[in-house]
Amino acid sequence: MDKQIINDGKSAAITSYILIVGVLIALSMNSENKNPFASFHIRQGLGLTLTFIILGISISYFESVMVAAPMWIFISVLTIYGIFSAAKGETTPLPLLGKWFQKWFSNF
């Protein structure tokens, strides 16, 4: 991917990893000029946000730190990985789920 495209989409790409609101902000930042680099990371951020919500709802019934802590660690590690990947200008999918996110959210 061209360095100019990466630099133009870097702020939207990094913003997309802020859970819940970051995806909405990044979508609005990328709405006029569809930047492929930003779109890649928006799909990753959207998938991560939905995973966070689904896991959060699923484990909320247990009310145990022993169940909640691994989810928070998992989401935190993936978020940090995504932010660093976007900051370095890479289009590396998130581990475990990233390839699925690209497939499922290909319309974004």
C-alpha atoms as a PDB file:
ATOM      1  CA  MET A   1       0.000   0.000   0.000  1.00  0.00           C
ATOM      2  CA  ASP A   2       1.212   3.504  -0.828  1.00  0.00           C
ATOM      3  CA  LYS A   3       2.745   5.514   2.034  1.00  0.00           C
ATOM      4  CA  GLN A   4       0.528   8.506   1.251  1.00  0.00           C
ATOM      5  CA  ILE A   5      -2.624   6.370   1.594  1.00  0.00           C
ATOM      6  CA  ILE A   6      -1.361   5.002   4.911  1.00  0.00           C
ATOM      7  CA  ASN A   7      -0.514   8.474   6.254  1.00  0.00           C
ATOM      8  CA  ASP A   8      -3.895   9.868   5.171  1.00  0.00           C
ATOM      9  CA  GLY A   9      -5.814   7.078   6.917  1.00  0.00           C
ATOM     10  CA  LYS A  10      -3.644   6.625  10.000  1.00  0.00           C
ATOM     11  CA  SER A  11      -5.674   8.821  12.373  1.00  0.00           C
ATOM     12  CA  ALA A  12      -8.960   7.122  11.465  1.00  0.00           C
ATOM     13  CA  ALA A  13      -7.277   3.720  11.744  1.00  0.00           C
ATOM     14  CA  ILE A  14      -5.968   4.381  15.250  1.00  0.00           C
ATOM     15  CA  THR A  15      -9.265   5.950  16.347  1.00  0.00           C
ATOM     16  CA  SER A  16     -11.194   2.851  15.266  1.00  0.00           C
ATOM     17  CA  TYR A  17      -9.686   0.836  18.124  1.00  0.00           C
ATOM     18  CA  ILE A  18     -11.298   2.974  20.831  1.00  0.00           C
ATOM     19  CA  LEU A  19     -14.063   0.587  21.856  1.00  0.00           C
ATOM     20  CA  ILE A  20     -17.646   1.462  20.906  1.00  0.00           C
ATOM     21  CA  VAL A  21     -17.357   5.184  20.048  1.00  0.00           C
ATOM     22  CA  GLY A  22     -14.062   4.972  18.187  1.00  0.00           C
ATOM     23  CA  VAL A  23     -15.576   2.935  15.387  1.00  0.00           C
ATOM     24  CA  LEU A  24     -18.351   5.481  14.896  1.00  0.00           C
ATOM     25  CA  ILE A  25     -15.886   8.368  14.852  1.00  0.00           C
ATOM     26  CA  ALA A  26     -13.585   6.529  12.440  1.00  0.00           C
ATOM     27  CA  LEU A  27     -16.525   5.699  10.138  1.00  0.00           C
ATOM     28  CA  SER A  28     -17.459   9.365   9.946  1.00  0.00           C
ATOM     29  CA  MET A  29     -13.809  10.343   9.354  1.00  0.00           C
ATOM     30  CA  ASN A  30     -13.603   7.850   6.486  1.00  0.00           C
ATOM     31  CA  SER A  31     -17.046   8.499   4.988  1.00  0.00           C
ATOM     32  CA  GLU A  32     -16.069  11.036   2.311  1.00  0.00           C
ATOM     33  CA  ASN A  33     -12.761   9.700   1.055  1.00  0.00           C
ATOM     34  CA  LYS A  34     -12.753   5.933   1.395  1.00  0.00           C
ATOM     35  CA  ASN A  35      -9.196   5.216   2.474  1.00  0.00           C
ATOM     36  CA  PRO A  36      -8.404   1.478   2.138  1.00  0.00           C
ATOM     37  CA  PHE A  37      -5.949   1.535   5.055  1.00  0.00           C
ATOM     38  CA  ALA A  38      -8.494   3.170   7.371  1.00  0.00           C
ATOM     39  CA  SER A  39     -11.247   0.849   6.110  1.00  0.00           C
ATOM     40  CA  PHE A  40      -9.128  -2.215   6.978  1.00  0.00           C
ATOM     41  CA  HIS A  41      -8.638  -1.015  10.555  1.00  0.00           C
ATOM     42  CA  ILE A  42     -12.261   0.125  10.901  1.00  0.00           C
ATOM     43  CA  ARG A  43     -13.364  -3.433  10.100  1.00  0.00           C
ATOM     44  CA  GLN A  44     -10.914  -4.743  12.698  1.00  0.00           C
ATOM     45  CA  GLY A  45     -12.093  -2.203  15.293  1.00  0.00           C
ATOM     46  CA  LEU A  46     -15.762  -2.927  14.581  1.00  0.00           C
ATOM     47  CA  GLY A  47     -15.192  -6.646  15.024  1.00  0.00           C
ATOM     48  CA  LEU A  48     -13.269  -6.052  18.238  1.00  0.00           C
ATOM     49  CA  THR A  49     -16.042  -3.832  19.590  1.00  0.00           C
ATOM     50  CA  LEU A  50     -18.726  -6.396  18.774  1.00  0.00           C
ATOM     51  CA  THR A  51     -16.595  -9.140  20.348  1.00  0.00           C
ATOM     52  CA  PHE A  52     -16.244  -6.987  23.470  1.00  0.00           C
ATOM     53  CA  ILE A  53     -20.013  -6.478  23.680  1.00  0.00           C
ATOM     54  CA  ILE A  54     -20.867 -10.131  23.055  1.00  0.00           C
ATOM     55  CA  LEU A  55     -18.294 -11.414  25.553  1.00  0.00           C
ATOM     56  CA  GLY A  56     -19.337  -8.776  28.081  1.00  0.00           C
ATOM     57  CA  ILE A  57     -22.981  -9.766  27.893  1.00  0.00           C
ATOM     58  CA  SER A  58     -22.105 -13.459  27.998  1.00  0.00           C
ATOM     59  CA  ILE A  59     -19.938 -13.282  31.095  1.00  0.00           C
ATOM     60  CA  SER A  60     -22.028 -10.698  32.952  1.00  0.00           C
ATOM     61  CA  TYR A  61     -24.198 -13.476  34.347  1.00  0.00           C
ATOM     62  CA  PHE A  62     -21.279 -15.036  36.225  1.00  0.00           C
ATOM     63  CA  GLU A  63     -20.389 -11.946  38.316  1.00  0.00           C
ATOM     64  CA  SER A  64     -16.915 -13.285  38.980  1.00  0.00           C
ATOM     65  CA  VAL A  65     -13.540 -11.627  38.573  1.00  0.00           C
ATOM     66  CA  MET A  66     -12.065 -15.000  37.608  1.00  0.00           C
ATOM     67  CA  VAL A  67     -14.344 -15.061  34.564  1.00  0.00           C
ATOM     68  CA  ALA A  68     -14.184 -11.346  33.699  1.00  0.00           C
ATOM     69  CA  ALA A  69     -10.420 -10.865  33.978  1.00  0.00           C
ATOM     70  CA  PRO A  70      -9.476 -13.131  31.036  1.00  0.00           C
ATOM     71  CA  MET A  71     -11.991 -11.321  28.814  1.00  0.00           C
ATOM     72  CA  TRP A  72     -10.536  -7.930  29.732  1.00  0.00           C
ATOM     73  CA  ILE A  73      -7.007  -9.188  29.147  1.00  0.00           C
ATOM     74  CA  PHE A  74      -7.988 -10.703  25.784  1.00  0.00           C
ATOM     75  CA  ILE A  75      -9.708  -7.526  24.580  1.00  0.00           C
ATOM     76  CA  SER A  76      -6.922  -5.282  25.919  1.00  0.00           C
ATOM     77  CA  VAL A  77      -4.187  -7.279  24.193  1.00  0.00           C
ATOM     78  CA  LEU A  78      -6.056  -7.242  20.873  1.00  0.00           C
ATOM     79  CA  THR A  79      -6.752  -3.512  21.187  1.00  0.00           C
ATOM     80  CA  ILE A  80      -3.105  -2.690  21.884  1.00  0.00           C
ATOM     81  CA  TYR A  81      -2.015  -4.965  19.037  1.00  0.00           C
ATOM     82  CA  GLY A  82      -4.412  -3.188  16.659  1.00  0.00           C
ATOM     83  CA  ILE A  83      -3.326   0.295  17.723  1.00  0.00           C
ATOM     84  CA  PHE A  84       0.353  -0.530  17.246  1.00  0.00           C
ATOM     85  CA  SER A  85      -0.344  -2.171  13.910  1.00  0.00           C
ATOM     86  CA  ALA A  86      -2.210   0.942  12.716  1.00  0.00           C
ATOM     87  CA  ALA A  87       0.473   3.284  14.068  1.00  0.00           C
ATOM     88  CA  LYS A  88       3.214   1.352  12.229  1.00  0.00           C
ATOM     89  CA  GLY A  89       1.231   1.473   8.989  1.00  0.00           C
ATOM     90  CA  GLU A  90       0.661  -2.271   8.770  1.00  0.00           C
ATOM     91  CA  THR A  91      -2.453  -4.102   7.619  1.00  0.00           C
ATOM     92  CA  THR A  92      -2.001  -7.183   9.767  1.00  0.00           C
ATOM     93  CA  PRO A  93      -5.277  -8.782  10.906  1.00  0.00           C
ATOM     94  CA  LEU A  94      -5.840  -9.231  14.624  1.00  0.00           C
ATOM     95  CA  PRO A  95      -4.865 -12.670  15.939  1.00  0.00           C
ATOM     96  CA  LEU A  96      -7.598 -15.330  16.034  1.00  0.00           C
ATOM     97  CA  LEU A  97     -10.500 -13.264  14.678  1.00  0.00           C
ATOM     98  CA  GLY A  98      -9.032 -10.642  12.337  1.00  0.00           C
ATOM     99  CA  LYS A  99      -9.462 -12.590   9.109  1.00  0.00           C
ATOM    100  CA  TRP A 100     -13.096 -13.244   9.982  1.00  0.00           C
ATOM    101  CA  PHE A 101     -13.668  -9.541  10.693  1.00  0.00           C
ATOM    102  CA  GLN A 102     -12.361  -8.677   7.227  1.00  0.00           C
ATOM    103  CA  LYS A 103     -14.709 -11.197   5.658  1.00  0.00           C
ATOM    104  CA  TRP A 104     -17.812 -10.351   7.710  1.00  0.00           C
ATOM    105  CA  PHE A 105     -17.524  -6.562   7.466  1.00  0.00           C
ATOM    106  CA  SER A 106     -16.302  -6.323   3.867  1.00  0.00           C
ATOM    107  CA  ASN A 107     -18.995  -3.704   3.096  1.00  0.00           C
ATOM    108  CA  PHE A 108     -17.370  -1.093   5.341  1.00  0.00           C
END
